[in-house]
Every structure is written in C-alpha cells, then in structure tokens.
C-alpha cells in the first residue's frame, strides 16, 4: 500500500533504505532452537530465524519415569512452582508435567 502521509511521513520510503533495514533486522533475529533440531511446527509463521534446509519431521522424545526422579535443584524448583496446580491435576499427571518442565529447563 501507499503511505497516506506522503512527504510528511517520518519514515523512509526509499526502497534501498527499506531493503537494508530488513537485512539488518534479519541479522539480529535469533535462530529457532526447534528448527535446528527438526522440531519447529510454526513453519513460515515462526518469529525466529530458520537457516539451512532442515527437515521438520522429528518428534520430541520424552521418557516419562513411573516414579519421581531424585530431587535436584531444577526438579525441586519445578515442584515448588507447580504447587498451585496440585489440586487441579492427579499426582501421576503432576509427575509427568514436573518431569517435562525440568527436562526442558535442563536442555
């Protein structure tokens, strides 16, 4: 579209300046962690940079233990953080949720 402000517009309408700004902006965009691992489901709608031609067909693998792992600092922090939802989920579901969040935090 055309700018309705015309010559009074404070932004540049020079195509070269716009192209340079877009290239600079692209350089500061962080890489997509999920894309690099073949896990991004956002495709072209992803706000992070997709570099290379990496197939996006992997699925995240999580081995959920039957019992809670030994407490460490990360798992304990997750356990404390999820105290508020303990009345909303079963204990089995809470163990799964705690495990997943702790795994993501460590990765």
N, C-alpha and C. Protein backbone atom coordinates (compact mmCIF):
# COMPACT_ATOMS: atom_id res chain seq x y z
N UNK A 1 0.80 -1.18 0.00
CA UNK A 1 0.00 0.00 0.00
C UNK A 1 0.85 1.25 0.00
N UNK A 2 0.20 2.34 -0.22
CA UNK A 2 0.87 3.63 -0.22
C UNK A 2 0.66 4.32 1.11
N UNK A 3 1.66 5.09 1.49
CA UNK A 3 1.57 5.84 2.74
C UNK A 3 0.67 7.06 2.53
N UNK A 4 -0.29 7.25 3.40
CA UNK A 4 -1.22 8.36 3.28
C UNK A 4 -0.59 9.69 3.68
N UNK A 5 0.56 9.65 4.38
CA UNK A 5 1.19 10.89 4.84
C UNK A 5 2.06 11.54 3.77
N UNK A 6 2.41 10.79 2.74
CA UNK A 6 3.22 11.34 1.66
C UNK A 6 4.54 11.89 2.15
N UNK A 7 4.85 13.12 1.75
CA UNK A 7 6.11 13.77 2.11
C UNK A 7 6.21 14.11 3.59
N UNK A 8 5.11 14.11 4.32
CA UNK A 8 5.13 14.42 5.75
C UNK A 8 5.49 13.20 6.61
N UNK A 9 5.60 12.05 5.97
CA UNK A 9 5.89 10.81 6.71
C UNK A 9 7.31 10.86 7.27
N UNK A 10 7.46 10.48 8.52
CA UNK A 10 8.78 10.50 9.17
C UNK A 10 9.64 9.29 8.80
N UNK A 11 9.06 8.30 8.13
CA UNK A 11 9.80 7.09 7.77
C UNK A 11 10.26 7.17 6.31
N UNK A 12 11.35 6.48 6.03
CA UNK A 12 11.90 6.47 4.68
C UNK A 12 11.01 5.64 3.76
N UNK A 13 10.87 6.10 2.54
CA UNK A 13 10.14 5.35 1.51
C UNK A 13 11.08 4.91 0.40
N UNK A 14 12.37 5.12 0.61
CA UNK A 14 13.39 4.74 -0.36
C UNK A 14 13.53 3.21 -0.32
N UNK A 15 13.29 2.51 -1.44
CA UNK A 15 13.35 1.04 -1.46
C UNK A 15 14.70 0.49 -1.00
N UNK A 16 15.79 1.18 -1.30
CA UNK A 16 17.11 0.68 -0.88
C UNK A 16 17.28 0.77 0.64
N UNK A 17 16.80 1.85 1.23
CA UNK A 17 16.89 2.01 2.68
C UNK A 17 16.03 0.95 3.37
N UNK A 18 14.85 0.70 2.82
CA UNK A 18 13.96 -0.31 3.39
C UNK A 18 14.59 -1.69 3.29
N UNK A 19 15.19 -2.02 2.14
CA UNK A 19 15.84 -3.32 1.95
C UNK A 19 16.99 -3.50 2.93
N UNK A 20 17.80 -2.46 3.12
CA UNK A 20 18.92 -2.53 4.07
C UNK A 20 18.41 -2.73 5.49
N UNK A 21 17.35 -2.05 5.86
CA UNK A 21 16.78 -2.19 7.20
C UNK A 21 16.26 -3.61 7.42
N UNK A 22 15.66 -4.19 6.39
CA UNK A 22 15.15 -5.55 6.51
C UNK A 22 16.30 -6.55 6.69
N UNK A 23 17.39 -6.33 5.97
CA UNK A 23 18.55 -7.22 6.11
C UNK A 23 19.17 -7.10 7.50
N UNK A 24 19.27 -5.88 8.01
CA UNK A 24 19.82 -5.67 9.35
C UNK A 24 18.93 -6.33 10.40
N UNK A 25 17.62 -6.20 10.24
CA UNK A 25 16.68 -6.78 11.18
C UNK A 25 16.80 -8.30 11.18
N UNK A 26 16.98 -8.87 9.99
CA UNK A 26 17.10 -10.32 9.88
C UNK A 26 18.34 -10.83 10.60
N UNK A 27 19.42 -10.05 10.57
CA UNK A 27 20.66 -10.46 11.22
C UNK A 27 20.54 -10.52 12.74
N UNK A 28 19.64 -9.75 13.32
CA UNK A 28 19.50 -9.73 14.77
C UNK A 28 18.47 -10.72 15.27
N UNK A 29 17.75 -11.37 14.36
CA UNK A 29 16.74 -12.34 14.78
C UNK A 29 17.44 -13.61 15.26
N UNK A 30 17.11 -14.07 16.47
CA UNK A 30 17.76 -15.28 16.97
C UNK A 30 17.32 -16.52 16.18
N UNK A 31 18.19 -17.51 16.15
CA UNK A 31 17.88 -18.76 15.46
C UNK A 31 16.82 -19.54 16.23
N UNK A 32 16.05 -20.31 15.50
CA UNK A 32 14.99 -21.12 16.10
C UNK A 32 15.60 -22.42 16.65
N UNK A 33 15.54 -22.58 17.95
CA UNK A 33 16.07 -23.78 18.62
C UNK A 33 15.37 -25.02 18.08
N UNK A 34 14.07 -24.95 17.90
CA UNK A 34 13.30 -26.10 17.43
C UNK A 34 13.63 -26.44 15.98
N UNK A 35 13.79 -25.42 15.13
CA UNK A 35 14.10 -25.66 13.72
C UNK A 35 15.44 -26.37 13.59
N UNK A 36 16.43 -25.92 14.37
CA UNK A 36 17.75 -26.53 14.31
C UNK A 36 17.72 -28.01 14.66
N UNK A 37 16.72 -28.44 15.40
CA UNK A 37 16.60 -29.83 15.82
C UNK A 37 15.53 -30.60 15.03
N UNK A 38 14.96 -29.93 14.01
CA UNK A 38 13.95 -30.59 13.18
C UNK A 38 12.60 -30.68 13.84
N UNK A 39 12.31 -29.76 14.78
CA UNK A 39 11.09 -29.86 15.58
C UNK A 39 10.14 -28.67 15.45
N UNK A 40 10.46 -27.66 14.63
CA UNK A 40 9.62 -26.46 14.55
C UNK A 40 8.32 -26.76 13.80
N UNK A 41 7.21 -26.43 14.45
CA UNK A 41 5.90 -26.66 13.85
C UNK A 41 5.28 -25.38 13.32
N UNK A 42 6.00 -24.26 13.45
CA UNK A 42 5.43 -22.96 13.05
C UNK A 42 5.68 -22.61 11.59
N UNK A 43 6.61 -23.30 10.94
CA UNK A 43 6.88 -23.04 9.52
C UNK A 43 7.24 -21.60 9.26
N UNK A 44 6.69 -21.03 8.19
CA UNK A 44 6.98 -19.65 7.79
C UNK A 44 6.46 -18.65 8.82
N UNK A 45 5.53 -19.06 9.69
CA UNK A 45 4.99 -18.17 10.70
C UNK A 45 5.86 -18.04 11.94
N UNK A 46 6.97 -18.76 11.97
CA UNK A 46 7.87 -18.72 13.13
C UNK A 46 8.57 -17.37 13.18
N UNK A 47 8.65 -16.78 14.37
CA UNK A 47 9.28 -15.47 14.52
C UNK A 47 10.80 -15.57 14.62
N UNK A 48 11.32 -16.80 14.71
CA UNK A 48 12.77 -17.00 14.80
C UNK A 48 13.35 -17.39 13.45
N UNK A 49 14.66 -17.23 13.30
CA UNK A 49 15.35 -17.46 12.04
C UNK A 49 15.49 -18.95 11.75
N UNK A 50 15.12 -19.33 10.53
CA UNK A 50 15.30 -20.71 10.04
C UNK A 50 16.41 -20.69 9.01
N UNK A 51 17.57 -21.25 9.36
CA UNK A 51 18.71 -21.28 8.44
C UNK A 51 18.94 -22.70 7.96
N UNK A 52 19.24 -22.84 6.69
CA UNK A 52 19.50 -24.15 6.12
C UNK A 52 18.22 -24.84 5.69
N UNK A 53 18.37 -26.08 5.26
CA UNK A 53 17.22 -26.87 4.80
C UNK A 53 17.11 -28.11 5.68
N UNK A 54 16.59 -27.91 6.88
CA UNK A 54 16.50 -29.00 7.84
C UNK A 54 15.07 -29.54 7.83
N UNK A 55 14.89 -30.83 7.53
CA UNK A 55 13.53 -31.40 7.55
C UNK A 55 12.91 -31.26 8.94
N UNK A 56 11.65 -30.90 8.98
CA UNK A 56 10.96 -30.67 10.25
C UNK A 56 9.96 -31.78 10.52
N UNK A 57 10.46 -32.99 10.64
CA UNK A 57 9.54 -34.11 10.84
C UNK A 57 9.86 -34.93 12.09
N UNK A 58 10.76 -34.44 12.92
CA UNK A 58 11.06 -35.16 14.15
C UNK A 58 10.02 -34.86 15.21
N UNK A 59 9.90 -35.77 16.16
CA UNK A 59 9.01 -35.56 17.29
C UNK A 59 9.85 -35.57 18.55
N UNK A 60 9.50 -34.72 19.49
CA UNK A 60 10.22 -34.63 20.74
C UNK A 60 10.02 -35.93 21.52
N UNK A 61 11.12 -36.51 21.97
CA UNK A 61 11.04 -37.75 22.73
C UNK A 61 11.22 -37.45 24.20
N UNK A 62 10.29 -37.91 24.99
CA UNK A 62 10.39 -37.77 26.43
C UNK A 62 10.15 -39.12 27.07
N UNK A 63 11.08 -39.53 27.87
CA UNK A 63 10.86 -40.76 28.62
C UNK A 63 10.35 -40.34 29.98
N UNK A 64 9.09 -40.63 30.23
CA UNK A 64 8.48 -40.24 31.50
C UNK A 64 8.65 -41.41 32.47
N UNK A 65 9.30 -41.16 33.59
CA UNK A 65 9.51 -42.24 34.54
C UNK A 65 8.21 -42.62 35.25
N UNK A 66 8.17 -43.84 35.77
CA UNK A 66 6.99 -44.28 36.53
C UNK A 66 6.94 -43.65 37.90
N UNK A 67 8.09 -43.21 38.39
CA UNK A 67 8.14 -42.55 39.70
C UNK A 67 8.96 -41.27 39.57
N UNK A 68 8.86 -40.44 40.57
CA UNK A 68 9.58 -39.18 40.53
C UNK A 68 11.08 -39.40 40.62
N UNK A 69 11.86 -38.62 39.85
CA UNK A 69 13.31 -38.74 39.93
C UNK A 69 13.82 -38.16 41.24
N UNK A 70 15.09 -38.43 41.52
CA UNK A 70 15.69 -37.84 42.71
C UNK A 70 15.62 -36.33 42.59
N UNK A 71 15.35 -35.68 43.68
CA UNK A 71 15.28 -34.22 43.66
C UNK A 71 16.65 -33.62 43.38
N UNK A 72 16.67 -32.66 42.50
CA UNK A 72 17.84 -31.82 42.30
C UNK A 72 17.31 -30.39 42.29
N UNK A 73 18.18 -29.42 42.10
CA UNK A 73 17.74 -28.02 42.17
C UNK A 73 16.66 -27.68 41.15
N UNK A 74 16.83 -28.16 39.92
CA UNK A 74 15.87 -27.83 38.85
C UNK A 74 14.52 -28.50 39.16
N UNK A 75 14.55 -29.79 39.47
CA UNK A 75 13.30 -30.52 39.72
C UNK A 75 12.58 -29.94 40.94
N UNK A 76 13.34 -29.59 41.97
CA UNK A 76 12.74 -29.01 43.17
C UNK A 76 12.08 -27.67 42.85
N UNK A 77 12.74 -26.84 42.04
CA UNK A 77 12.16 -25.54 41.66
C UNK A 77 10.86 -25.74 40.89
N UNK A 78 10.85 -26.72 39.99
CA UNK A 78 9.64 -27.01 39.21
C UNK A 78 8.53 -27.50 40.14
N UNK A 79 8.88 -28.37 41.06
CA UNK A 79 7.90 -28.92 42.01
C UNK A 79 7.26 -27.79 42.83
N UNK A 80 8.09 -26.88 43.31
CA UNK A 80 7.57 -25.75 44.10
C UNK A 80 6.71 -24.85 43.22
N UNK A 81 7.17 -24.61 41.99
CA UNK A 81 6.41 -23.74 41.09
C UNK A 81 5.04 -24.28 40.72
N UNK A 82 4.91 -25.60 40.72
CA UNK A 82 3.63 -26.22 40.35
C UNK A 82 2.74 -26.53 41.54
N UNK A 83 3.11 -26.09 42.72
CA UNK A 83 2.31 -26.35 43.92
C UNK A 83 0.88 -25.82 43.76
N UNK A 84 0.74 -24.68 43.09
CA UNK A 84 -0.58 -24.06 42.93
C UNK A 84 -1.54 -24.91 42.11
N UNK A 85 -1.04 -25.75 41.21
CA UNK A 85 -1.92 -26.56 40.37
C UNK A 85 -2.11 -27.97 40.91
N UNK A 86 -1.54 -28.26 42.07
CA UNK A 86 -1.61 -29.62 42.60
C UNK A 86 -3.04 -30.08 42.89
N UNK A 87 -3.93 -29.14 43.13
CA UNK A 87 -5.32 -29.52 43.38
C UNK A 87 -6.11 -29.73 42.08
N UNK A 88 -5.51 -29.36 40.95
CA UNK A 88 -6.20 -29.45 39.67
C UNK A 88 -5.83 -30.69 38.86
N UNK A 89 -4.72 -31.34 39.20
CA UNK A 89 -4.23 -32.49 38.44
C UNK A 89 -4.03 -33.68 39.36
N UNK A 90 -4.07 -34.87 38.77
CA UNK A 90 -3.77 -36.07 39.55
C UNK A 90 -2.27 -36.12 39.81
N UNK A 91 -1.85 -36.89 40.80
CA UNK A 91 -0.43 -36.98 41.13
C UNK A 91 0.37 -37.55 39.96
N UNK A 92 -0.19 -38.52 39.24
CA UNK A 92 0.50 -39.08 38.07
C UNK A 92 0.74 -38.01 37.00
N UNK A 93 -0.27 -37.18 36.74
CA UNK A 93 -0.12 -36.11 35.76
C UNK A 93 0.89 -35.07 36.23
N UNK A 94 0.87 -34.76 37.53
CA UNK A 94 1.84 -33.79 38.07
C UNK A 94 3.27 -34.28 37.89
N UNK A 95 3.50 -35.59 38.12
CA UNK A 95 4.84 -36.14 37.94
C UNK A 95 5.29 -35.97 36.50
N UNK A 96 4.39 -36.26 35.55
CA UNK A 96 4.72 -36.11 34.13
C UNK A 96 5.03 -34.65 33.78
N UNK A 97 4.18 -33.74 34.28
CA UNK A 97 4.37 -32.32 33.99
C UNK A 97 5.68 -31.82 34.59
N UNK A 98 5.95 -32.19 35.85
CA UNK A 98 7.20 -31.78 36.51
C UNK A 98 8.40 -32.29 35.73
N UNK A 99 8.34 -33.54 35.32
CA UNK A 99 9.45 -34.14 34.59
C UNK A 99 9.70 -33.40 33.28
N UNK A 100 8.64 -33.13 32.53
CA UNK A 100 8.79 -32.45 31.24
C UNK A 100 9.39 -31.06 31.41
N UNK A 101 8.86 -30.30 32.35
CA UNK A 101 9.35 -28.93 32.56
C UNK A 101 10.81 -28.96 33.00
N UNK A 102 11.15 -29.87 33.91
CA UNK A 102 12.54 -29.97 34.36
C UNK A 102 13.46 -30.36 33.23
N UNK A 103 13.01 -31.27 32.36
CA UNK A 103 13.82 -31.67 31.20
C UNK A 103 14.04 -30.50 30.26
N UNK A 104 12.98 -29.74 29.95
CA UNK A 104 13.11 -28.59 29.07
C UNK A 104 14.05 -27.55 29.68
N UNK A 105 13.97 -27.36 31.01
CA UNK A 105 14.82 -26.38 31.68
C UNK A 105 16.29 -26.77 31.58
N UNK A 106 16.55 -28.07 31.66
CA UNK A 106 17.95 -28.54 31.59
C UNK A 106 18.48 -28.48 30.17
N UNK A 107 17.62 -28.72 29.19
CA UNK A 107 18.05 -28.71 27.79
C UNK A 107 18.30 -27.30 27.37
